Amino acid sequence: FGVLLDLLLPPACAACALPGRPACAECRAAPERLPPPWCGGCGAPVPVPLTRCAACRGRIDGARQAVAYAGPAPALVGALKDGRRRVVAEVLAGVIAAEVAAPPPGAVLVPVPLGPRRLRARGFNQSLLIARELGRAWGRPVAEPLVRVREGADQRGATATARARQVAGAFALGGPAPAPACAWIVDDVHTTGATPAPCAR
């Protein structure tokens, strides 16, 4: 159904509605880049290099935000998640691949899983679509070792503490693939790091 919807929607930029491609050249170039230095823990921009900043949550080896969640980025993410425009996953993956160095050889891209209720409602996992596009761009495999065992409320607009509480214990091993030795967790939006931390755990 999602693929059919992509075909039936009049082609237009998901951010500015300019007729044509899923994202026009101006909106593709407009996302606000996050120049270094970045926090070594959560990937947020910091004034001086740090191993972990005060905002870091959980224990992961590191994270990286591709661009700021500003400008056309929220509209592009919203078009994918809420507008169900699956073709936007390729646009977002292109933005990420342009800003983030490819994972090392042997790394496996692991999308953050959706719970059954949200997966049925949306029809697809947006993180999986982005991970597949990144896998093609980077030449890295994609695997799904994680499942979501507890669904919570939508995290948009929630505080860092609320986000951490909502995802605590929400993920477990049990997907159709074994856990890789080197996993790069892929999510559509990275803010407080509340989601990748329990995925990594």
N, C-alpha and C. Protein backbone atom coordinates (compact mmCIF):
# COMPACT_ATOMS: atom_id res chain seq x y z
N PHE A 1 0.83 -1.20 0.00
CA PHE A 1 0.00 0.00 0.00
C PHE A 1 0.86 1.26 0.00
N GLY A 2 1.96 1.23 0.80
CA GLY A 2 2.84 2.39 0.88
C GLY A 2 3.47 2.73 -0.46
N VAL A 3 3.89 1.71 -1.21
CA VAL A 3 4.50 1.93 -2.52
C VAL A 3 3.47 2.52 -3.48
N LEU A 4 2.24 2.01 -3.42
CA LEU A 4 1.18 2.53 -4.28
C LEU A 4 0.90 3.99 -3.95
N LEU A 5 0.92 4.33 -2.66
CA LEU A 5 0.71 5.72 -2.24
C LEU A 5 1.79 6.62 -2.81
N ASP A 6 3.03 6.15 -2.80
CA ASP A 6 4.13 6.93 -3.38
C ASP A 6 3.87 7.23 -4.85
N LEU A 7 3.31 6.25 -5.57
CA LEU A 7 3.08 6.43 -6.99
C LEU A 7 1.91 7.36 -7.27
N LEU A 8 0.90 7.34 -6.38
CA LEU A 8 -0.29 8.14 -6.60
C LEU A 8 -0.13 9.60 -6.19
N LEU A 9 0.74 9.86 -5.21
CA LEU A 9 0.94 11.24 -4.76
C LEU A 9 1.59 12.05 -5.87
N PRO A 10 1.13 13.26 -6.12
CA PRO A 10 1.79 14.09 -7.13
C PRO A 10 3.22 14.38 -6.70
N PRO A 11 4.19 14.19 -7.58
CA PRO A 11 5.58 14.42 -7.18
C PRO A 11 5.82 15.86 -6.79
N ALA A 12 6.37 16.05 -5.61
CA ALA A 12 6.66 17.39 -5.11
C ALA A 12 7.66 17.26 -3.98
N CYS A 13 8.41 18.32 -3.72
CA CYS A 13 9.37 18.34 -2.62
C CYS A 13 8.61 18.18 -1.31
N ALA A 14 9.05 17.25 -0.48
CA ALA A 14 8.40 16.99 0.80
C ALA A 14 8.57 18.13 1.78
N ALA A 15 9.54 19.01 1.56
CA ALA A 15 9.78 20.11 2.48
C ALA A 15 9.10 21.40 2.05
N CYS A 16 9.19 21.74 0.75
CA CYS A 16 8.67 23.04 0.30
C CYS A 16 7.53 22.92 -0.70
N ALA A 17 7.19 21.69 -1.11
CA ALA A 17 6.09 21.41 -2.04
C ALA A 17 6.37 21.87 -3.46
N LEU A 18 7.60 22.18 -3.79
CA LEU A 18 7.93 22.53 -5.17
C LEU A 18 7.73 21.28 -6.05
N PRO A 19 6.98 21.38 -7.12
CA PRO A 19 6.76 20.21 -7.97
C PRO A 19 8.09 19.64 -8.49
N GLY A 20 8.17 18.32 -8.51
CA GLY A 20 9.38 17.67 -9.01
C GLY A 20 9.80 16.52 -8.13
N ARG A 21 11.04 16.51 -7.71
CA ARG A 21 11.62 15.39 -6.96
C ARG A 21 11.09 15.35 -5.52
N PRO A 22 11.29 14.21 -4.82
CA PRO A 22 10.84 14.11 -3.42
C PRO A 22 11.45 15.18 -2.52
N ALA A 23 12.62 15.67 -2.89
CA ALA A 23 13.23 16.82 -2.21
C ALA A 23 13.97 17.62 -3.27
N CYS A 24 13.65 18.90 -3.38
CA CYS A 24 14.28 19.73 -4.41
C CYS A 24 15.75 19.96 -4.06
N ALA A 25 16.50 20.44 -5.02
CA ALA A 25 17.94 20.64 -4.82
C ALA A 25 18.20 21.63 -3.68
N GLU A 26 17.37 22.66 -3.58
CA GLU A 26 17.58 23.67 -2.53
C GLU A 26 17.35 23.07 -1.14
N CYS A 27 16.31 22.25 -0.98
CA CYS A 27 16.03 21.65 0.32
C CYS A 27 17.03 20.55 0.66
N ARG A 28 17.54 19.86 -0.36
CA ARG A 28 18.59 18.86 -0.12
C ARG A 28 19.86 19.53 0.41
N ALA A 29 20.13 20.74 -0.07
CA ALA A 29 21.35 21.44 0.34
C ALA A 29 21.15 22.27 1.60
N ALA A 30 19.88 22.46 2.02
CA ALA A 30 19.59 23.40 3.11
C ALA A 30 19.80 22.88 4.52
N PRO A 31 19.75 21.54 4.79
CA PRO A 31 19.91 21.11 6.19
C PRO A 31 21.17 21.68 6.83
N GLU A 32 20.99 22.11 8.07
CA GLU A 32 22.08 22.76 8.81
C GLU A 32 23.12 21.73 9.25
N ARG A 33 24.31 21.84 8.67
CA ARG A 33 25.39 20.92 9.03
C ARG A 33 25.87 21.19 10.45
N LEU A 34 26.41 20.16 11.09
CA LEU A 34 26.91 20.28 12.45
C LEU A 34 28.43 20.09 12.41
N PRO A 35 29.17 21.19 12.31
CA PRO A 35 30.63 21.06 12.21
C PRO A 35 31.24 20.56 13.51
N PRO A 36 32.40 19.91 13.43
CA PRO A 36 33.08 19.47 14.65
C PRO A 36 33.54 20.69 15.46
N PRO A 37 33.85 20.47 16.74
CA PRO A 37 33.92 19.16 17.43
C PRO A 37 32.55 18.66 17.88
N TRP A 38 32.47 17.31 18.00
CA TRP A 38 31.27 16.66 18.49
C TRP A 38 31.61 15.90 19.76
N CYS A 39 30.61 15.75 20.62
CA CYS A 39 30.78 14.92 21.81
C CYS A 39 31.05 13.49 21.37
N GLY A 40 32.03 12.85 21.98
CA GLY A 40 32.36 11.47 21.62
C GLY A 40 31.31 10.47 22.08
N GLY A 41 30.41 10.89 22.96
CA GLY A 41 29.38 9.98 23.45
C GLY A 41 28.08 10.07 22.68
N CYS A 42 27.50 11.29 22.63
CA CYS A 42 26.18 11.43 22.01
C CYS A 42 26.23 12.06 20.63
N GLY A 43 27.37 12.60 20.22
CA GLY A 43 27.50 13.17 18.89
C GLY A 43 27.03 14.60 18.76
N ALA A 44 26.59 15.21 19.86
CA ALA A 44 26.11 16.59 19.80
C ALA A 44 27.29 17.55 19.60
N PRO A 45 27.07 18.68 18.91
CA PRO A 45 28.13 19.68 18.78
C PRO A 45 28.51 20.24 20.15
N VAL A 46 29.79 20.37 20.38
CA VAL A 46 30.29 20.91 21.65
C VAL A 46 31.38 21.94 21.35
N PRO A 47 31.61 22.89 22.28
CA PRO A 47 32.62 23.93 22.01
C PRO A 47 34.05 23.41 21.96
N VAL A 48 34.34 22.37 22.74
CA VAL A 48 35.66 21.75 22.74
C VAL A 48 35.48 20.23 22.71
N PRO A 49 36.43 19.47 22.15
CA PRO A 49 36.26 18.01 22.11
C PRO A 49 36.09 17.41 23.50
N LEU A 50 35.09 16.52 23.64
CA LEU A 50 34.80 15.84 24.90
C LEU A 50 34.56 14.37 24.65
N THR A 51 34.94 13.53 25.61
CA THR A 51 34.64 12.11 25.52
C THR A 51 33.16 11.88 25.78
N ARG A 52 32.63 12.55 26.81
CA ARG A 52 31.20 12.51 27.13
C ARG A 52 30.80 13.86 27.69
N CYS A 53 29.68 14.39 27.20
CA CYS A 53 29.19 15.67 27.70
C CYS A 53 28.15 15.44 28.79
N ALA A 54 27.69 16.52 29.40
CA ALA A 54 26.73 16.41 30.50
C ALA A 54 25.38 15.87 30.04
N ALA A 55 25.07 15.99 28.74
CA ALA A 55 23.78 15.54 28.23
C ALA A 55 23.77 14.08 27.83
N CYS A 56 24.93 13.41 27.83
CA CYS A 56 24.99 12.02 27.39
C CYS A 56 24.14 11.12 28.28
N ARG A 57 23.43 10.18 27.62
CA ARG A 57 22.60 9.24 28.35
C ARG A 57 22.98 7.82 27.91
N GLY A 58 23.04 6.90 28.87
CA GLY A 58 23.34 5.52 28.53
C GLY A 58 24.80 5.32 28.19
N ARG A 59 25.13 4.11 27.83
CA ARG A 59 26.51 3.74 27.50
C ARG A 59 26.57 3.17 26.09
N ILE A 60 26.94 4.00 25.16
CA ILE A 60 27.19 3.55 23.81
C ILE A 60 28.58 4.01 23.43
N ASP A 61 29.16 3.37 22.43
CA ASP A 61 30.53 3.71 22.04
C ASP A 61 30.62 5.08 21.38
N GLY A 62 29.52 5.58 20.89
CA GLY A 62 29.53 6.90 20.26
C GLY A 62 28.31 7.06 19.38
N ALA A 63 28.00 8.27 19.06
CA ALA A 63 26.85 8.56 18.19
C ALA A 63 27.21 9.74 17.30
N ARG A 64 26.43 9.91 16.26
CA ARG A 64 26.70 11.01 15.33
C ARG A 64 25.38 11.51 14.77
N GLN A 65 25.11 12.78 14.92
CA GLN A 65 23.97 13.41 14.28
C GLN A 65 24.42 13.94 12.94
N ALA A 66 23.67 13.65 11.89
CA ALA A 66 24.09 14.07 10.55
C ALA A 66 23.91 15.57 10.38
N VAL A 67 22.72 16.07 10.69
CA VAL A 67 22.41 17.50 10.54
C VAL A 67 21.52 17.91 11.71
N ALA A 68 21.36 19.23 11.88
CA ALA A 68 20.47 19.73 12.92
C ALA A 68 19.02 19.44 12.54
N TYR A 69 18.21 19.21 13.55
CA TYR A 69 16.78 19.00 13.32
C TYR A 69 16.11 20.37 13.21
N ALA A 70 16.38 21.00 12.08
CA ALA A 70 15.91 22.36 11.81
C ALA A 70 15.81 22.52 10.31
N GLY A 71 15.33 23.67 9.85
CA GLY A 71 15.20 23.91 8.41
C GLY A 71 14.26 22.89 7.79
N PRO A 72 14.64 22.28 6.66
CA PRO A 72 13.75 21.31 6.01
C PRO A 72 13.74 19.94 6.67
N ALA A 73 14.67 19.67 7.59
CA ALA A 73 14.78 18.32 8.16
C ALA A 73 13.49 17.84 8.82
N PRO A 74 12.83 18.62 9.70
CA PRO A 74 11.58 18.12 10.30
C PRO A 74 10.50 17.81 9.27
N ALA A 75 10.40 18.64 8.23
CA ALA A 75 9.38 18.39 7.19
C ALA A 75 9.68 17.11 6.43
N LEU A 76 10.96 16.85 6.14
CA LEU A 76 11.34 15.63 5.43
C LEU A 76 11.06 14.39 6.28
N VAL A 77 11.43 14.46 7.55
CA VAL A 77 11.16 13.32 8.44
C VAL A 77 9.66 13.12 8.60
N GLY A 78 8.92 14.21 8.74
CA GLY A 78 7.47 14.12 8.88
C GLY A 78 6.81 13.55 7.63
N ALA A 79 7.33 13.91 6.46
CA ALA A 79 6.77 13.38 5.22
C ALA A 79 6.96 11.87 5.15
N LEU A 80 8.07 11.38 5.65
CA LEU A 80 8.33 9.94 5.66
C LEU A 80 7.45 9.25 6.69
N LYS A 81 7.46 9.75 7.92
CA LYS A 81 6.78 9.05 9.02
C LYS A 81 5.26 9.26 9.00
N ASP A 82 4.84 10.49 8.88
CA ASP A 82 3.41 10.80 8.97
C ASP A 82 2.74 10.84 7.60
N GLY A 83 3.47 11.35 6.60
CA GLY A 83 2.92 11.40 5.25
C GLY A 83 3.10 10.11 4.48
N ARG A 84 3.88 9.18 5.07
CA ARG A 84 4.12 7.86 4.47
C ARG A 84 4.70 7.95 3.06
N ARG A 85 5.55 8.93 2.84
CA ARG A 85 6.24 9.06 1.55
C ARG A 85 7.56 8.32 1.65
N ARG A 86 7.51 7.04 1.33
CA ARG A 86 8.67 6.16 1.52
C ARG A 86 9.88 6.61 0.71
N VAL A 87 9.66 7.28 -0.41
CA VAL A 87 10.79 7.71 -1.24
C VAL A 87 11.68 8.72 -0.52
N VAL A 88 11.16 9.35 0.53
CA VAL A 88 11.95 10.34 1.27
C VAL A 88 13.08 9.66 2.06
N ALA A 89 12.95 8.36 2.32
CA ALA A 89 14.03 7.64 3.02
C ALA A 89 15.33 7.74 2.25
N GLU A 90 15.25 7.68 0.92
CA GLU A 90 16.46 7.80 0.10
C GLU A 90 17.08 9.18 0.24
N VAL A 91 16.24 10.20 0.33
CA VAL A 91 16.73 11.58 0.50
C VAL A 91 17.45 11.71 1.84
N LEU A 92 16.82 11.23 2.90
CA LEU A 92 17.41 11.34 4.23
C LEU A 92 18.71 10.54 4.32
N ALA A 93 18.73 9.37 3.72
CA ALA A 93 19.96 8.57 3.72
C ALA A 93 21.07 9.29 2.97
N GLY A 94 20.72 9.97 1.88
CA GLY A 94 21.72 10.73 1.14
C GLY A 94 22.32 11.85 1.97
N VAL A 95 21.48 12.53 2.75
CA VAL A 95 21.96 13.59 3.63
C VAL A 95 22.91 13.00 4.67
N ILE A 96 22.52 11.87 5.26
CA ILE A 96 23.35 11.23 6.28
C ILE A 96 24.68 10.78 5.68
N ALA A 97 24.63 10.10 4.54
CA ALA A 97 25.86 9.57 3.93
C ALA A 97 26.81 10.68 3.53
N ALA A 98 26.27 11.86 3.20
CA ALA A 98 27.13 12.99 2.82
C ALA A 98 27.84 13.59 4.03
N GLU A 99 27.29 13.40 5.22
CA GLU A 99 27.83 14.04 6.42
C GLU A 99 28.58 13.09 7.35
N VAL A 100 28.26 11.81 7.28
CA VAL A 100 28.82 10.84 8.22
C VAL A 100 29.70 9.86 7.46
N ALA A 101 30.90 9.65 7.95
CA ALA A 101 31.82 8.70 7.32
C ALA A 101 31.25 7.29 7.40
N ALA A 102 31.53 6.47 6.39
CA ALA A 102 31.02 5.10 6.35
C ALA A 102 31.52 4.29 7.53
N PRO A 103 30.73 3.35 8.01
CA PRO A 103 31.18 2.46 9.09
C PRO A 103 32.39 1.65 8.65
N PRO A 104 33.15 1.15 9.61
CA PRO A 104 34.31 0.33 9.25
C PRO A 104 33.88 -0.99 8.63
N PRO A 105 34.76 -1.66 7.90
CA PRO A 105 34.45 -2.99 7.36
C PRO A 105 34.01 -3.93 8.49
N GLY A 106 33.02 -4.71 8.23
CA GLY A 106 32.52 -5.64 9.24
C GLY A 106 31.35 -5.09 10.05
N ALA A 107 31.11 -3.79 9.96
CA ALA A 107 29.98 -3.20 10.69
C ALA A 107 28.67 -3.56 10.01
N VAL A 108 27.64 -3.69 10.81
CA VAL A 108 26.30 -4.02 10.33
C VAL A 108 25.35 -2.91 10.76
N LEU A 109 24.51 -2.44 9.86
CA LEU A 109 23.54 -1.40 10.19
C LEU A 109 22.31 -2.05 10.81
N VAL A 110 21.93 -1.57 11.99
CA VAL A 110 20.81 -2.14 12.74
C VAL A 110 19.76 -1.06 12.95
N PRO A 111 18.60 -1.14 12.30
CA PRO A 111 17.57 -0.13 12.50
C PRO A 111 16.89 -0.28 13.85
N VAL A 112 16.48 0.84 14.41
CA VAL A 112 15.66 0.81 15.63
C VAL A 112 14.30 0.21 15.26
N PRO A 113 13.87 -0.85 15.95
CA PRO A 113 12.61 -1.49 15.56
C PRO A 113 11.38 -0.72 16.03
N LEU A 114 10.30 -0.88 15.31
CA LEU A 114 9.00 -0.37 15.74
C LEU A 114 8.23 -1.49 16.43
N GLY A 115 7.33 -1.11 17.31
CA GLY A 115 6.43 -2.10 17.91
C GLY A 115 5.36 -2.52 16.91
N PRO A 116 4.71 -3.65 17.14
CA PRO A 116 3.70 -4.16 16.20
C PRO A 116 2.57 -3.17 15.93
N ARG A 117 2.11 -2.47 16.95
CA ARG A 117 0.99 -1.55 16.76
C ARG A 117 1.37 -0.40 15.84
N ARG A 118 2.51 0.21 16.08
CA ARG A 118 2.92 1.34 15.24
C ARG A 118 3.32 0.87 13.84
N LEU A 119 3.90 -0.32 13.74
CA LEU A 119 4.26 -0.86 12.43
C LEU A 119 3.00 -1.11 11.59
N ARG A 120 1.95 -1.63 12.21
CA ARG A 120 0.70 -1.84 11.48
C ARG A 120 0.09 -0.50 11.04
N ALA A 121 0.14 0.48 11.93
CA ALA A 121 -0.47 1.77 11.61
C ALA A 121 0.28 2.49 10.49
N ARG A 122 1.61 2.43 10.52
CA ARG A 122 2.42 3.15 9.53
C ARG A 122 2.61 2.34 8.26
N GLY A 123 2.72 1.05 8.40
CA GLY A 123 2.91 0.18 7.25
C GLY A 123 4.36 -0.13 6.94
N PHE A 124 5.29 0.52 7.62
CA PHE A 124 6.71 0.28 7.41
C PHE A 124 7.48 0.88 8.58
N ASN A 125 8.73 0.46 8.71
CA ASN A 125 9.63 1.02 9.71
C ASN A 125 10.54 2.01 9.01
N GLN A 126 10.39 3.29 9.32
CA GLN A 126 11.17 4.31 8.62
C GLN A 126 12.67 4.16 8.87
N SER A 127 13.06 3.69 10.04
CA SER A 127 14.49 3.49 10.31
C SER A 127 15.07 2.36 9.46
N LEU A 128 14.26 1.34 9.20
CA LEU A 128 14.71 0.24 8.34
C LEU A 128 14.88 0.74 6.91
N LEU A 129 13.94 1.56 6.42
CA LEU A 129 14.07 2.10 5.06
C LEU A 129 15.34 2.93 4.93
N ILE A 130 15.61 3.77 5.91
CA ILE A 130 16.81 4.61 5.88
C ILE A 130 18.06 3.73 5.95
N ALA A 131 18.04 2.72 6.83
CA ALA A 131 19.20 1.81 6.97
C ALA A 131 19.49 1.09 5.65
N ARG A 132 18.45 0.64 4.96
CA ARG A 132 18.66 -0.04 3.68
C ARG A 132 19.30 0.88 2.65
N GLU A 133 18.84 2.13 2.60
CA GLU A 133 19.43 3.09 1.67
C GLU A 133 20.88 3.39 2.05
N LEU A 134 21.15 3.51 3.34
CA LEU A 134 22.53 3.74 3.79
C LEU A 134 23.39 2.52 3.48
N GLY A 135 22.82 1.33 3.63
CA GLY A 135 23.56 0.11 3.31
C GLY A 135 24.01 0.10 1.86
N ARG A 136 23.12 0.56 0.97
CA ARG A 136 23.49 0.65 -0.45
C ARG A 136 24.57 1.71 -0.66
N ALA A 137 24.43 2.86 0.01
CA ALA A 137 25.39 3.95 -0.17
C ALA A 137 26.76 3.59 0.39
N TRP A 138 26.78 2.94 1.53
CA TRP A 138 28.04 2.63 2.21
C TRP A 138 28.58 1.24 1.88
N GLY A 139 27.78 0.41 1.24
CA GLY A 139 28.22 -0.95 0.99
C GLY A 139 28.33 -1.78 2.26
N ARG A 140 27.35 -1.61 3.15
CA ARG A 140 27.34 -2.35 4.41
C ARG A 140 26.03 -3.11 4.54
N PRO A 141 26.05 -4.28 5.19
CA PRO A 141 24.82 -5.06 5.35
C PRO A 141 23.89 -4.46 6.39
N VAL A 142 22.62 -4.81 6.28
CA VAL A 142 21.59 -4.40 7.24
C VAL A 142 21.04 -5.66 7.89
N ALA A 143 20.86 -5.64 9.20
CA ALA A 143 20.30 -6.78 9.91
C ALA A 143 19.31 -6.26 10.95
N GLU A 144 18.39 -7.15 11.34
CA GLU A 144 17.37 -6.80 12.32
C GLU A 144 17.40 -7.77 13.51
N PRO A 145 18.38 -7.62 14.39
CA PRO A 145 18.44 -8.51 15.56
C PRO A 145 17.53 -8.07 16.71
N LEU A 146 17.02 -6.83 16.63
CA LEU A 146 16.24 -6.28 17.74
C LEU A 146 14.74 -6.35 17.47
N VAL A 147 13.99 -6.48 18.55
CA VAL A 147 12.54 -6.36 18.50
C VAL A 147 12.13 -5.37 19.61
N ARG A 148 11.00 -4.75 19.39
CA ARG A 148 10.47 -3.86 20.42
C ARG A 148 9.45 -4.65 21.23
N VAL A 149 9.73 -4.80 22.52
CA VAL A 149 8.88 -5.63 23.37
C VAL A 149 7.89 -4.80 24.18
N ARG A 150 8.07 -3.48 24.16
CA ARG A 150 7.15 -2.61 24.88
C ARG A 150 6.99 -1.32 24.11
N GLU A 151 5.76 -0.97 23.80
CA GLU A 151 5.49 0.26 23.05
C GLU A 151 5.12 1.37 24.01
N GLY A 152 5.63 2.56 23.71
CA GLY A 152 5.32 3.71 24.55
C GLY A 152 4.67 4.80 23.72
N ALA A 153 4.50 5.94 24.33
CA ALA A 153 3.91 7.08 23.64
C ALA A 153 4.89 7.65 22.63
N ASP A 154 4.37 8.43 21.70
CA ASP A 154 5.23 9.12 20.73
C ASP A 154 6.18 10.03 21.51
N GLN A 155 7.48 9.97 21.16
CA GLN A 155 8.48 10.73 21.91
C GLN A 155 8.62 12.17 21.46
N ARG A 156 7.99 12.54 20.37
CA ARG A 156 8.13 13.91 19.88
C ARG A 156 7.62 14.90 20.92
N GLY A 157 8.49 15.84 21.30
CA GLY A 157 8.12 16.85 22.28
C GLY A 157 8.36 16.45 23.72
N ALA A 158 8.74 15.18 23.97
CA ALA A 158 8.96 14.72 25.34
C ALA A 158 10.31 15.21 25.86
N THR A 159 10.42 15.36 27.17
CA THR A 159 11.69 15.75 27.78
C THR A 159 12.66 14.59 27.74
N ALA A 160 13.94 14.89 27.99
CA ALA A 160 14.96 13.84 27.99
C ALA A 160 14.64 12.76 29.02
N THR A 161 14.18 13.16 30.20
CA THR A 161 13.84 12.19 31.24
C THR A 161 12.66 11.32 30.82
N ALA A 162 11.65 11.94 30.23
CA ALA A 162 10.47 11.18 29.78
C ALA A 162 10.85 10.22 28.66
N ARG A 163 11.71 10.67 27.74
CA ARG A 163 12.14 9.80 26.65
C ARG A 163 12.85 8.56 27.19
N ALA A 164 13.76 8.79 28.14
CA ALA A 164 14.52 7.67 28.71
C ALA A 164 13.59 6.69 29.41
N ARG A 165 12.58 7.21 30.11
CA ARG A 165 11.64 6.35 30.82
C ARG A 165 10.79 5.54 29.84
N GLN A 166 10.40 6.16 28.72
CA GLN A 166 9.55 5.50 27.74
C GLN A 166 10.23 4.32 27.06
N VAL A 167 11.55 4.42 26.87
CA VAL A 167 12.25 3.35 26.12
C VAL A 167 13.03 2.39 27.01
N ALA A 168 13.01 2.63 28.32
CA ALA A 168 13.73 1.72 29.23
C ALA A 168 13.11 0.33 29.14
N GLY A 169 13.92 -0.66 28.81
CA GLY A 169 13.44 -2.03 28.70
C GLY A 169 12.54 -2.29 27.51
N ALA A 170 12.53 -1.37 26.53
CA ALA A 170 11.61 -1.50 25.40
C ALA A 170 12.14 -2.41 24.29
N PHE A 171 13.45 -2.71 24.30
CA PHE A 171 14.05 -3.47 23.20
C PHE A 171 14.69 -4.75 23.72
N ALA A 172 14.71 -5.74 22.86
CA ALA A 172 15.33 -7.02 23.22
C ALA A 172 15.84 -7.70 21.96
N LEU A 173 16.77 -8.63 22.14
CA LEU A 173 17.19 -9.46 21.03
C LEU A 173 16.07 -10.45 20.71
N GLY A 174 15.91 -10.77 19.46
CA GLY A 174 14.84 -11.69 19.09
C GLY A 174 14.36 -11.48 17.67
N GLY A 175 15.05 -10.63 16.93
CA GLY A 175 14.69 -10.40 15.53
C GLY A 175 15.15 -11.54 14.65
N PRO A 176 14.97 -11.40 13.34
CA PRO A 176 15.32 -12.48 12.42
C PRO A 176 16.82 -12.63 12.16
N ALA A 177 17.67 -11.87 12.84
CA ALA A 177 19.12 -11.97 12.63
C ALA A 177 19.82 -11.99 13.98
N PRO A 178 21.00 -12.63 14.05
CA PRO A 178 21.76 -12.60 15.30
C PRO A 178 22.38 -11.24 15.53
N ALA A 179 22.75 -10.96 16.77
CA ALA A 179 23.40 -9.69 17.09
C ALA A 179 24.79 -9.64 16.45
N PRO A 180 25.09 -8.59 15.68
CA PRO A 180 26.42 -8.50 15.06
C PRO A 180 27.47 -8.07 16.08
N ALA A 181 28.72 -8.37 15.77
CA ALA A 181 29.82 -7.99 16.65
C ALA A 181 30.01 -6.47 16.66
N CYS A 182 29.76 -5.83 15.52
CA CYS A 182 29.89 -4.38 15.42
C CYS A 182 28.60 -3.84 14.81
N ALA A 183 27.77 -3.20 15.62
CA ALA A 183 26.48 -2.70 15.17
C ALA A 183 26.46 -1.18 15.13
N TRP A 184 25.97 -0.65 14.03
CA TRP A 184 25.70 0.79 13.90
C TRP A 184 24.19 0.96 13.92
N ILE A 185 23.66 1.49 15.00
CA ILE A 185 22.23 1.64 15.16
C ILE A 185 21.76 2.84 14.35
N VAL A 186 20.71 2.64 13.57
CA VAL A 186 20.19 3.68 12.68
C VAL A 186 18.80 4.10 13.16
N ASP A 187 18.61 5.40 13.39
CA ASP A 187 17.30 5.94 13.74
C ASP A 187 17.04 7.16 12.89
N ASP A 188 15.79 7.54 12.78
CA ASP A 188 15.46 8.68 11.92
C ASP A 188 15.82 10.01 12.57
N VAL A 189 15.64 10.12 13.88
CA VAL A 189 15.95 11.36 14.60
C VAL A 189 16.75 11.01 15.84
N HIS A 190 17.82 11.74 16.07
CA HIS A 190 18.65 11.54 17.26
C HIS A 190 18.63 12.85 18.04
N THR A 191 18.07 12.82 19.24
CA THR A 191 18.03 14.04 20.05
C THR A 191 18.80 13.81 21.35
N THR A 192 18.17 13.17 22.33
CA THR A 192 18.82 12.99 23.63
C THR A 192 19.67 11.72 23.69
N GLY A 193 19.54 10.83 22.72
CA GLY A 193 20.25 9.55 22.79
C GLY A 193 19.52 8.53 23.63
N ALA A 194 18.27 8.82 24.01
CA ALA A 194 17.52 7.91 24.86
C ALA A 194 17.21 6.59 24.17
N THR A 195 17.03 6.60 22.85
CA THR A 195 16.68 5.36 22.13
C THR A 195 17.88 4.48 21.81
N PRO A 196 18.98 5.01 21.26
CA PRO A 196 20.09 4.10 20.94
C PRO A 196 20.73 3.44 22.15
N ALA A 197 20.68 4.09 23.31
CA ALA A 197 21.31 3.50 24.49
C ALA A 197 20.69 2.16 24.87
N PRO A 198 19.36 2.05 25.01
CA PRO A 198 18.80 0.73 25.34
C PRO A 198 18.91 -0.25 24.17
N CYS A 199 18.94 0.24 22.94
CA CYS A 199 19.17 -0.66 21.80
C CYS A 199 20.56 -1.27 21.90
N ALA A 200 21.55 -0.45 22.21
CA ALA A 200 22.92 -0.94 22.34
C ALA A 200 23.04 -1.91 23.50
N ARG A 201 22.37 -1.61 24.58
CA ARG A 201 22.43 -2.49 25.76
C ARG A 201 21.86 -3.87 25.41
